[in-house]
Amino acid sequence: MKAFPNVTSEKGMDLRDYFAAKFMYTAFKMVEHNHNCDFGDNWEWSYDEEEFESLADLAYEMAAAMVKAREKNT
C-alpha cells in the first residue's frame, strides 16, 4: 500500500515507510530521555550505531503495528 498513491503511477513511498518516518521524532525523543538530556541546538553527541539501528528497528515495528491497526479498523 502506498502512502501517496498516484492514479498514473504505482511509485511512491510505502505506507509502512511513511509511518516509520513519522515515528522517528518520537524515537529520537526517547534517545534524549534515555540519555537524560535535551539536545536542543547542541548536537555534540557521540554516535552509537547500535542504538540508532535499534531505533530504526523500533520505528518499523511500530509502523507495522500501525498498518495492522489501520487494516483492522477500515
N, C-alpha and C. Protein backbone atom coordinates (compact mmCIF):
# COMPACT_ATOMS: atom_id res chain seq x y z
N MET A 1 0.84 -1.16 0.00
CA MET A 1 0.00 0.00 0.00
C MET A 1 0.90 1.24 0.00
N LYS A 2 0.58 2.21 -0.81
CA LYS A 2 1.38 3.42 -0.93
C LYS A 2 0.82 4.53 -0.04
N ALA A 3 1.71 5.36 0.47
CA ALA A 3 1.30 6.47 1.32
C ALA A 3 0.67 7.59 0.50
N PHE A 4 1.19 7.81 -0.68
CA PHE A 4 0.71 8.88 -1.55
C PHE A 4 0.43 8.32 -2.93
N PRO A 5 -0.65 7.57 -3.08
CA PRO A 5 -0.92 6.95 -4.38
C PRO A 5 -1.18 7.98 -5.47
N ASN A 6 -0.80 7.61 -6.66
CA ASN A 6 -0.99 8.47 -7.81
C ASN A 6 -1.69 7.62 -8.86
N VAL A 7 -2.76 8.11 -9.42
CA VAL A 7 -3.53 7.31 -10.36
C VAL A 7 -2.74 6.96 -11.61
N THR A 8 -1.69 7.71 -11.92
CA THR A 8 -0.91 7.44 -13.13
C THR A 8 0.34 6.62 -12.85
N SER A 9 0.62 6.35 -11.57
CA SER A 9 1.85 5.62 -11.24
C SER A 9 1.68 4.88 -9.92
N GLU A 10 2.32 3.73 -9.83
CA GLU A 10 2.30 3.00 -8.57
C GLU A 10 3.55 3.29 -7.75
N LYS A 11 4.38 4.20 -8.22
CA LYS A 11 5.58 4.57 -7.48
C LYS A 11 5.18 5.42 -6.29
N GLY A 12 5.99 5.42 -5.31
CA GLY A 12 5.73 6.24 -4.14
C GLY A 12 6.19 5.54 -2.88
N MET A 13 6.11 6.24 -1.79
CA MET A 13 6.54 5.73 -0.51
C MET A 13 5.51 4.72 0.01
N ASP A 14 5.99 3.60 0.51
CA ASP A 14 5.09 2.65 1.15
C ASP A 14 4.52 3.27 2.41
N LEU A 15 3.30 2.90 2.74
CA LEU A 15 2.65 3.42 3.93
C LEU A 15 3.46 3.07 5.17
N ARG A 16 4.03 1.88 5.19
CA ARG A 16 4.85 1.45 6.33
C ARG A 16 6.08 2.35 6.48
N ASP A 17 6.71 2.71 5.37
CA ASP A 17 7.86 3.62 5.41
C ASP A 17 7.43 4.99 5.94
N TYR A 18 6.28 5.46 5.48
CA TYR A 18 5.76 6.76 5.92
C TYR A 18 5.51 6.75 7.44
N PHE A 19 4.86 5.69 7.93
CA PHE A 19 4.60 5.60 9.36
C PHE A 19 5.91 5.52 10.15
N ALA A 20 6.89 4.77 9.65
CA ALA A 20 8.18 4.66 10.34
C ALA A 20 8.86 6.03 10.40
N ALA A 21 8.80 6.77 9.31
CA ALA A 21 9.41 8.11 9.29
C ALA A 21 8.72 9.03 10.28
N LYS A 22 7.40 8.95 10.36
CA LYS A 22 6.66 9.79 11.29
C LYS A 22 6.99 9.46 12.74
N PHE A 23 7.34 8.20 13.00
CA PHE A 23 7.65 7.78 14.36
C PHE A 23 9.08 8.17 14.77
N MET A 24 9.93 8.49 13.83
CA MET A 24 11.34 8.75 14.14
C MET A 24 11.53 9.91 15.12
N TYR A 25 10.68 10.94 15.06
CA TYR A 25 10.80 12.04 16.02
C TYR A 25 10.61 11.51 17.45
N THR A 26 9.59 10.69 17.62
CA THR A 26 9.35 10.11 18.94
C THR A 26 10.52 9.23 19.36
N ALA A 27 11.05 8.47 18.42
CA ALA A 27 12.19 7.61 18.72
C ALA A 27 13.39 8.46 19.16
N PHE A 28 13.62 9.59 18.48
CA PHE A 28 14.72 10.47 18.85
C PHE A 28 14.50 11.05 20.25
N LYS A 29 13.26 11.41 20.55
CA LYS A 29 12.96 11.94 21.88
C LYS A 29 13.19 10.87 22.94
N MET A 30 12.99 9.60 22.57
CA MET A 30 13.28 8.52 23.50
C MET A 30 14.78 8.46 23.80
N VAL A 31 15.60 8.71 22.79
CA VAL A 31 17.05 8.74 22.99
C VAL A 31 17.41 9.87 23.93
N GLU A 32 16.84 11.06 23.69
CA GLU A 32 17.10 12.18 24.60
C GLU A 32 16.75 11.81 26.03
N HIS A 33 15.59 11.21 26.19
CA HIS A 33 15.14 10.83 27.53
C HIS A 33 16.08 9.79 28.16
N ASN A 34 16.47 8.80 27.37
CA ASN A 34 17.35 7.74 27.88
C ASN A 34 18.73 8.28 28.25
N HIS A 35 19.16 9.34 27.56
CA HIS A 35 20.46 9.94 27.87
C HIS A 35 20.31 11.08 28.86
N ASN A 36 19.07 11.29 29.32
CA ASN A 36 18.78 12.32 30.31
C ASN A 36 19.33 13.68 29.89
N CYS A 37 18.99 14.10 28.67
CA CYS A 37 19.48 15.37 28.17
C CYS A 37 18.46 15.98 27.22
N ASP A 38 18.69 17.24 26.92
CA ASP A 38 17.88 17.95 25.93
C ASP A 38 18.87 18.49 24.92
N PHE A 39 18.90 17.89 23.73
CA PHE A 39 19.91 18.28 22.74
C PHE A 39 19.71 19.71 22.27
N GLY A 40 18.47 20.15 22.14
CA GLY A 40 18.22 21.49 21.65
C GLY A 40 19.03 21.75 20.39
N ASP A 41 19.84 22.81 20.40
CA ASP A 41 20.70 23.13 19.27
C ASP A 41 22.08 22.50 19.40
N ASN A 42 22.32 21.79 20.49
CA ASN A 42 23.62 21.19 20.74
C ASN A 42 23.64 19.76 20.23
N TRP A 43 24.30 19.54 19.12
CA TRP A 43 24.34 18.21 18.53
C TRP A 43 25.65 17.49 18.84
N GLU A 44 26.31 17.87 19.93
CA GLU A 44 27.54 17.20 20.34
C GLU A 44 27.16 15.94 21.10
N TRP A 45 27.04 14.87 20.36
CA TRP A 45 26.59 13.61 20.93
C TRP A 45 27.33 12.51 20.21
N SER A 46 27.87 11.58 20.96
CA SER A 46 28.63 10.50 20.32
C SER A 46 27.67 9.58 19.58
N TYR A 47 28.02 9.25 18.37
CA TYR A 47 27.21 8.40 17.50
C TYR A 47 27.29 6.97 17.99
N ASP A 48 26.17 6.37 18.22
CA ASP A 48 26.11 5.00 18.65
C ASP A 48 25.31 4.21 17.62
N GLU A 49 26.03 3.57 16.69
CA GLU A 49 25.39 2.88 15.57
C GLU A 49 24.40 1.82 16.04
N GLU A 50 24.75 1.08 17.07
CA GLU A 50 23.86 0.03 17.55
C GLU A 50 22.54 0.62 18.08
N GLU A 51 22.64 1.74 18.79
CA GLU A 51 21.43 2.38 19.31
C GLU A 51 20.56 2.90 18.17
N PHE A 52 21.18 3.50 17.16
CA PHE A 52 20.42 4.00 16.02
C PHE A 52 19.75 2.86 15.26
N GLU A 53 20.44 1.75 15.09
CA GLU A 53 19.84 0.60 14.42
C GLU A 53 18.65 0.07 15.22
N SER A 54 18.78 0.06 16.53
CA SER A 54 17.67 -0.37 17.38
C SER A 54 16.47 0.56 17.23
N LEU A 55 16.73 1.86 17.14
CA LEU A 55 15.64 2.82 16.95
C LEU A 55 14.97 2.65 15.60
N ALA A 56 15.76 2.39 14.58
CA ALA A 56 15.19 2.16 13.25
C ALA A 56 14.33 0.90 13.26
N ASP A 57 14.82 -0.15 13.92
CA ASP A 57 14.02 -1.38 14.05
C ASP A 57 12.72 -1.09 14.79
N LEU A 58 12.81 -0.32 15.87
CA LEU A 58 11.62 0.03 16.64
C LEU A 58 10.64 0.82 15.78
N ALA A 59 11.14 1.75 14.97
CA ALA A 59 10.27 2.54 14.11
C ALA A 59 9.51 1.66 13.14
N TYR A 60 10.18 0.67 12.55
CA TYR A 60 9.50 -0.23 11.61
C TYR A 60 8.55 -1.19 12.32
N GLU A 61 8.89 -1.58 13.54
CA GLU A 61 7.95 -2.41 14.31
C GLU A 61 6.69 -1.62 14.62
N MET A 62 6.86 -0.36 15.02
CA MET A 62 5.71 0.50 15.30
C MET A 62 4.90 0.72 14.02
N ALA A 63 5.58 0.95 12.91
CA ALA A 63 4.90 1.17 11.64
C ALA A 63 4.09 -0.07 11.23
N ALA A 64 4.65 -1.24 11.42
CA ALA A 64 3.93 -2.47 11.09
C ALA A 64 2.68 -2.60 11.95
N ALA A 65 2.79 -2.24 13.22
CA ALA A 65 1.63 -2.28 14.11
C ALA A 65 0.59 -1.25 13.67
N MET A 66 1.03 -0.09 13.21
CA MET A 66 0.10 0.94 12.75
C MET A 66 -0.63 0.49 11.49
N VAL A 67 0.08 -0.15 10.58
CA VAL A 67 -0.55 -0.66 9.36
C VAL A 67 -1.58 -1.74 9.73
N LYS A 68 -1.21 -2.62 10.64
CA LYS A 68 -2.12 -3.69 11.06
C LYS A 68 -3.38 -3.09 11.70
N ALA A 69 -3.20 -2.11 12.58
CA ALA A 69 -4.35 -1.47 13.22
C ALA A 69 -5.22 -0.77 12.20
N ARG A 70 -4.59 -0.15 11.22
CA ARG A 70 -5.33 0.55 10.17
C ARG A 70 -6.19 -0.43 9.39
N GLU A 71 -5.61 -1.58 9.03
CA GLU A 71 -6.34 -2.59 8.27
C GLU A 71 -7.51 -3.15 9.08
N LYS A 72 -7.30 -3.31 10.38
CA LYS A 72 -8.33 -3.86 11.25
C LYS A 72 -9.50 -2.86 11.41
N ASN A 73 -9.20 -1.59 11.35
CA ASN A 73 -10.21 -0.56 11.62
C ASN A 73 -10.79 0.08 10.37
N THR A 74 -10.49 -0.47 9.19
CA THR A 74 -11.07 0.11 7.96
C THR A 74 -12.04 -0.86 7.34
